[in-house]
């Protein structure tokens, strides 16, 4: 499932960004849509809600996290366990 991020979506980094001390898997919130929807301002906060980094990221650098079951898209692959 590959959904386009929307305002206030919770997202995770899919890449390391060592220049910002951000690493793949870190979680942030989309706070702004940029460049006609091809980039997003993502805010990274600590457990107390204090922002420690905010930067523009391309869609291929983040993935939307889902907290409820969702239907896979038409190209979804089924994992064989």
Protein backbone atom coordinates (compact mmCIF):
# COMPACT_ATOMS: atom_id res chain seq x y z
CA UNK A 1 0.00 0.00 0.00
CA UNK A 2 1.53 3.29 -1.07
CA UNK A 3 -0.68 6.21 -0.14
CA UNK A 4 0.28 9.82 -0.69
CA UNK A 5 0.92 11.68 2.58
CA UNK A 6 -1.70 14.16 3.73
CA UNK A 7 -1.65 16.95 6.30
CA UNK A 8 -1.18 15.55 9.84
CA UNK A 9 -0.37 12.02 8.63
CA UNK A 10 2.11 10.14 10.78
CA UNK A 11 5.05 9.04 8.64
CA UNK A 12 8.33 7.18 9.05
CA UNK A 13 11.62 7.90 7.32
CA UNK A 14 12.65 5.34 4.72
CA UNK A 15 16.20 6.72 4.46
CA UNK A 16 18.96 7.84 6.80
CA UNK A 17 19.61 11.60 6.96
CA UNK A 18 22.80 11.78 9.06
CA UNK A 19 23.28 15.50 8.38
CA UNK A 20 20.09 16.07 10.44
CA UNK A 21 20.75 13.21 12.92
CA UNK A 22 17.62 11.47 11.58
CA UNK A 23 17.56 7.76 10.80
CA UNK A 24 15.39 5.33 8.86
CA UNK A 25 12.36 4.40 10.93
CA UNK A 26 12.10 7.66 12.87
CA UNK A 27 8.53 8.89 13.08
CA UNK A 28 7.27 12.39 12.29
CA UNK A 29 4.12 14.27 11.33
CA UNK A 30 3.32 15.95 8.00
CA UNK A 31 2.70 19.62 8.82
CA UNK A 32 2.70 21.13 5.31
CA UNK A 33 2.39 20.05 1.68
CA UNK A 34 5.09 21.56 -0.57
CA UNK A 35 5.83 21.76 -4.31
CA UNK A 36 2.29 20.91 -5.44
CA UNK A 37 2.26 17.71 -3.37
CA UNK A 38 5.64 16.34 -4.43
CA UNK A 39 7.29 17.21 -1.10
CA UNK A 40 6.20 17.53 2.52
CA UNK A 41 7.32 19.44 5.60
CA UNK A 42 7.73 16.81 8.31
CA UNK A 43 8.11 17.67 11.98
CA UNK A 44 9.97 15.32 14.31
CA UNK A 45 9.16 15.64 18.01
CA UNK A 46 10.18 13.99 21.27
CA UNK A 47 7.79 12.23 23.64
CA UNK A 48 6.93 15.55 25.31
CA UNK A 49 5.92 17.06 21.96
CA UNK A 50 8.99 19.31 21.59
CA UNK A 51 10.08 19.61 17.97
CA UNK A 52 13.73 18.69 17.46
CA UNK A 53 13.75 18.84 13.63
CA UNK A 54 11.48 20.03 10.84
CA UNK A 55 12.42 19.69 7.20
CA UNK A 56 11.07 19.23 3.69
CA UNK A 57 11.15 15.66 2.39
CA UNK A 58 10.24 14.00 -0.89
CA UNK A 59 7.57 11.29 -0.95
CA UNK A 60 10.18 8.61 -1.64
CA UNK A 61 11.89 9.47 1.67
CA UNK A 62 8.84 8.75 3.86
CA UNK A 63 6.05 6.23 4.25
CA UNK A 64 2.61 6.81 5.74
CA UNK A 65 1.95 4.75 8.87
CA UNK A 66 -1.48 3.17 9.33
CA UNK A 67 -2.97 2.43 12.74
CA UNK A 68 -6.05 0.54 11.51
CA UNK A 69 -6.45 -2.30 9.01
CA UNK A 70 -6.52 -1.05 5.44
CA UNK A 71 -7.13 -2.68 2.08
CA UNK A 72 -3.98 -3.17 -0.02
CA UNK A 73 -3.67 -1.29 -3.28
CA UNK A 74 -3.95 -3.06 -6.66
CA UNK A 75 -0.20 -3.75 -6.83
CA UNK A 76 0.20 -5.00 -3.25
CA UNK A 77 2.17 -8.18 -2.74
CA UNK A 78 1.09 -10.83 -0.27
CA UNK A 79 3.83 -12.00 2.09
CA UNK A 80 4.24 -15.76 2.28
CA UNK A 81 4.96 -16.85 5.84
